[in-house]
């Protein structure tokens, strides 16, 4: 077992259980009066402890996610309302980083949840930015089709932010859609005022003499 991994690679509890079983086995080995049952029991306990050894969770993904989340929360750049989900995750995530007994599945899930929460914060900021720009526009001056494309892009992004099926891949797609829809607004051509008809010239009248 230790040929492939160092002692420090295992969770403290399973390593302690192994050390206890090993000490017990050595005691039985040194006992000249130990029975076959004692020896078999010590062997089984030692074998079970070796089998139960559990590697510490790999936190290579979680640690940078926690750092990025903390930076985002402290930046002051985002609407506090959009940070609530991320704020609720940061303390448990930091505890998980320090927990030497943490389960790998739990670590992986936390890293994923934090990545998604940060993605939602960024997308929400993009939606707010686009809506603020739209408020400065007179949409009546743009084609119905291009305005509809923009409102649909906003609605789709807002729906995604509320969806339980949101994934961090959605951010890039929806952000691109918002950007393209805003830049794709098409102005309705302004028709020039028609030129006034030229005034007809008065017919010339000639006076006849007799």
Protein backbone atom coordinates (compact mmCIF):
# COMPACT_ATOMS: atom_id res chain seq x y z
CA UNK A 1 0.00 0.00 0.00
CA UNK A 2 2.65 2.49 1.02
CA UNK A 3 4.75 1.65 -2.04
CA UNK A 4 2.42 3.79 -4.16
CA UNK A 5 1.44 6.46 -1.65
CA UNK A 6 2.99 8.22 1.33
CA UNK A 7 1.48 8.05 4.79
CA UNK A 8 0.49 11.70 4.53
CA UNK A 9 -1.65 10.93 1.49
CA UNK A 10 -4.24 9.11 3.62
CA UNK A 11 -6.98 10.49 5.83
CA UNK A 12 -5.89 10.69 9.49
CA UNK A 13 -8.72 8.49 10.74
CA UNK A 14 -8.02 5.55 8.43
CA UNK A 15 -4.28 5.87 8.99
CA UNK A 16 -4.81 5.87 12.75
CA UNK A 17 -6.98 2.74 12.46
CA UNK A 18 -4.21 1.02 10.53
CA UNK A 19 -1.59 1.99 13.10
CA UNK A 20 -3.82 0.63 15.89
CA UNK A 21 -4.34 -2.66 14.04
CA UNK A 22 -0.63 -2.92 13.31
CA UNK A 23 0.28 -2.35 16.95
CA UNK A 24 -2.26 -5.00 17.99
CA UNK A 25 -0.83 -7.45 15.47
CA UNK A 26 2.70 -6.87 16.77
CA UNK A 27 1.50 -7.50 20.31
CA UNK A 28 -0.04 -10.81 19.25
CA UNK A 29 3.09 -11.70 17.32
CA UNK A 30 5.22 -11.15 20.42
CA UNK A 31 2.86 -13.13 22.64
CA UNK A 32 4.13 -16.68 22.86
CA UNK A 33 0.81 -17.74 24.36
CA UNK A 34 -1.27 -16.31 21.51
CA UNK A 35 -3.77 -18.79 20.13
CA UNK A 36 -4.51 -19.42 16.48
CA UNK A 37 -7.73 -17.52 16.98
CA UNK A 38 -5.80 -14.50 18.37
CA UNK A 39 -3.47 -14.57 15.38
CA UNK A 40 -6.30 -14.92 12.89
CA UNK A 41 -8.22 -12.08 14.52
CA UNK A 42 -5.17 -9.79 14.48
CA UNK A 43 -4.54 -10.64 10.82
CA UNK A 44 -8.16 -9.97 9.84
CA UNK A 45 -8.17 -6.63 11.67
CA UNK A 46 -4.91 -5.59 10.04
CA UNK A 47 -6.13 -6.66 6.60
CA UNK A 48 -9.39 -4.75 7.09
CA UNK A 49 -7.52 -1.63 8.18
CA UNK A 50 -5.32 -1.76 5.09
CA UNK A 51 -8.35 -2.19 2.84
CA UNK A 52 -10.12 0.71 4.57
CA UNK A 53 -7.25 3.15 3.97
CA UNK A 54 -8.72 6.21 2.27
CA UNK A 55 -6.73 8.70 0.26
CA UNK A 56 -7.24 12.37 1.07
CA UNK A 57 -9.45 14.18 -1.42
CA UNK A 58 -7.73 15.94 -4.30
CA UNK A 59 -8.61 19.62 -3.88
CA UNK A 60 -6.77 20.96 -6.94
CA UNK A 61 -10.05 22.23 -8.40
CA UNK A 62 -11.70 23.39 -5.18
CA UNK A 63 -8.86 25.55 -3.83
CA UNK A 64 -8.63 27.92 -6.85
CA UNK A 65 -12.44 28.05 -6.96
CA UNK A 66 -12.52 29.21 -3.34
CA UNK A 67 -9.83 31.82 -4.05
CA UNK A 68 -11.72 33.13 -7.08
CA UNK A 69 -14.99 33.22 -5.14
CA UNK A 70 -13.45 35.14 -2.27
CA UNK A 71 -11.98 37.65 -4.73
CA UNK A 72 -15.36 38.06 -6.42
CA UNK A 73 -17.16 38.57 -3.11
CA UNK A 74 -14.62 41.15 -1.94
CA UNK A 75 -14.36 43.04 -5.25
CA UNK A 76 -17.40 45.28 -4.74
CA UNK A 77 -18.09 44.99 -8.49
CA UNK A 78 -21.25 42.95 -8.30
CA UNK A 79 -24.81 43.43 -7.11
CA UNK A 80 -25.03 41.94 -3.57
CA UNK A 81 -28.35 40.34 -4.51
CA UNK A 82 -26.62 38.23 -7.18
CA UNK A 83 -23.90 37.17 -4.74
CA UNK A 84 -26.22 35.46 -2.25
CA UNK A 85 -25.79 31.95 -3.63
CA UNK A 86 -22.02 32.28 -3.72
CA UNK A 87 -21.91 33.84 -0.25
CA UNK A 88 -23.76 30.82 1.15
CA UNK A 89 -21.13 28.48 -0.28
CA UNK A 90 -17.89 30.22 0.67
CA UNK A 91 -17.71 29.26 4.37
CA UNK A 92 -18.55 25.56 3.87
CA UNK A 93 -16.10 25.47 0.97
CA UNK A 94 -13.28 26.93 3.05
CA UNK A 95 -14.00 24.40 5.82
CA UNK A 96 -13.90 21.63 3.23
CA UNK A 97 -10.48 22.80 2.05
CA UNK A 98 -9.16 22.41 5.59
CA UNK A 99 -10.93 19.10 6.26
CA UNK A 100 -8.44 16.24 5.89
CA UNK A 101 -11.30 13.74 6.10
CA UNK A 102 -13.28 15.32 3.24
CA UNK A 103 -14.80 12.94 0.75
CA UNK A 104 -13.73 13.32 -2.89
CA UNK A 105 -17.32 13.39 -4.18
CA UNK A 106 -18.16 16.15 -1.70
CA UNK A 107 -15.11 18.15 -2.77
CA UNK A 108 -15.95 17.74 -6.47
CA UNK A 109 -19.56 18.81 -5.92
CA UNK A 110 -18.54 21.89 -3.97
CA UNK A 111 -16.06 22.93 -6.67
CA UNK A 112 -18.77 22.51 -9.31
CA UNK A 113 -21.37 24.40 -7.27
CA UNK A 114 -18.98 27.30 -6.72
CA UNK A 115 -18.02 27.43 -10.38
CA UNK A 116 -21.69 27.60 -11.36
CA UNK A 117 -22.46 30.23 -8.71
CA UNK A 118 -19.64 32.47 -9.99
CA UNK A 119 -20.79 31.95 -13.55
CA UNK A 120 -24.29 33.08 -12.59
CA UNK A 121 -22.90 36.23 -10.96
CA UNK A 122 -21.05 37.16 -14.14
CA UNK A 123 -24.04 36.44 -16.36
CA UNK A 124 -26.37 38.43 -14.09
CA UNK A 125 -23.95 41.36 -14.36
CA UNK A 126 -24.01 41.09 -18.15
CA UNK A 127 -27.82 41.03 -18.20
CA UNK A 128 -27.92 44.13 -15.99
CA UNK A 129 -25.41 45.88 -18.24
CA UNK A 130 -27.41 45.15 -21.39
CA UNK A 131 -30.70 46.20 -19.79
CA UNK A 132 -29.12 49.47 -18.65
CA UNK A 133 -28.00 50.18 -22.22
CA UNK A 134 -31.44 49.32 -23.57
CA UNK A 135 -33.03 51.81 -21.18
CA UNK A 136 -31.02 54.55 -22.89
CA UNK A 137 -32.42 53.64 -26.29
CA UNK A 138 -35.68 54.50 -28.01
CA UNK A 139 -36.53 51.03 -29.27
CA UNK A 140 -39.26 52.43 -31.49
CA UNK A 141 -36.47 53.52 -33.79
CA UNK A 142 -35.34 49.94 -34.45
CA UNK A 143 -36.87 47.14 -36.47
CA UNK A 144 -39.37 44.88 -34.72
CA UNK A 145 -37.32 41.78 -35.57
CA UNK A 146 -34.08 43.10 -34.06
CA UNK A 147 -35.83 44.36 -30.92
CA UNK A 148 -37.53 40.99 -30.51
CA UNK A 149 -34.18 39.20 -30.84
CA UNK A 150 -32.79 41.39 -28.06
CA UNK A 151 -35.72 40.95 -25.69
CA UNK A 152 -35.65 37.20 -26.32
CA UNK A 153 -31.92 37.06 -25.51
CA UNK A 154 -32.51 38.92 -22.24
CA UNK A 155 -35.46 36.71 -21.30
CA UNK A 156 -33.51 33.55 -22.09
CA UNK A 157 -30.57 34.65 -19.93
CA UNK A 158 -32.84 35.58 -17.03
CA UNK A 159 -34.65 32.22 -17.28
CA UNK A 160 -31.32 30.38 -17.26
CA UNK A 161 -30.27 32.16 -14.07
CA UNK A 162 -33.36 30.75 -12.35
CA UNK A 163 -33.00 27.26 -13.79
CA UNK A 164 -31.82 24.26 -11.78
CA UNK A 165 -30.24 22.92 -14.98
CA UNK A 166 -27.86 25.86 -15.36
CA UNK A 167 -24.28 24.92 -16.21
CA UNK A 168 -21.19 27.12 -16.46
CA UNK A 169 -21.12 26.43 -20.22
CA UNK A 170 -24.36 28.42 -20.49
CA UNK A 171 -22.55 31.62 -19.54
CA UNK A 172 -20.49 31.88 -22.72
CA UNK A 173 -23.43 31.05 -25.00
CA UNK A 174 -25.86 33.44 -23.33
CA UNK A 175 -23.33 36.26 -22.96
CA UNK A 176 -22.52 36.00 -26.65
CA UNK A 177 -26.21 36.01 -27.49
CA UNK A 178 -26.79 39.17 -25.44
CA UNK A 179 -23.82 40.95 -26.99
CA UNK A 180 -24.80 40.01 -30.53
CA UNK A 181 -28.45 40.93 -30.03
CA UNK A 182 -27.56 44.36 -28.66
CA UNK A 183 -25.07 45.14 -31.41
CA UNK A 184 -27.50 43.67 -33.94
CA UNK A 185 -30.23 46.24 -33.37
CA UNK A 186 -31.23 47.57 -36.78
CA UNK A 187 -32.35 51.17 -37.05
CA UNK A 188 -35.43 51.91 -39.08
CA UNK A 189 -34.39 54.12 -41.99
CA UNK A 190 -35.70 57.63 -41.66
CA UNK A 191 -37.71 58.60 -44.70
CA UNK A 192 -36.72 61.99 -45.99
CA UNK A 193 -39.43 64.62 -46.13
CA UNK A 194 -40.88 64.73 -49.64
CA UNK A 195 -39.83 67.72 -51.65
CA UNK A 196 -42.68 70.17 -52.11
CA UNK A 197 -44.19 70.28 -55.56
CA UNK A 198 -42.93 73.27 -57.48
CA UNK A 199 -45.51 76.01 -57.80
CA UNK A 200 -46.97 76.01 -61.28
CA UNK A 201 -46.05 79.09 -63.22
CA UNK A 202 -48.89 81.45 -64.01
CA UNK A 203 -49.87 81.39 -67.62
CA UNK A 204 -48.85 84.55 -69.41
CA UNK A 205 -51.76 86.64 -70.69
CA UNK A 206 -51.44 88.75 -73.77
CA UNK A 207 -53.69 91.74 -74.35
CA UNK A 208 -54.98 92.02 -77.88
CA UNK A 209 -55.54 95.41 -79.56
CA UNK A 210 -58.08 96.26 -82.18
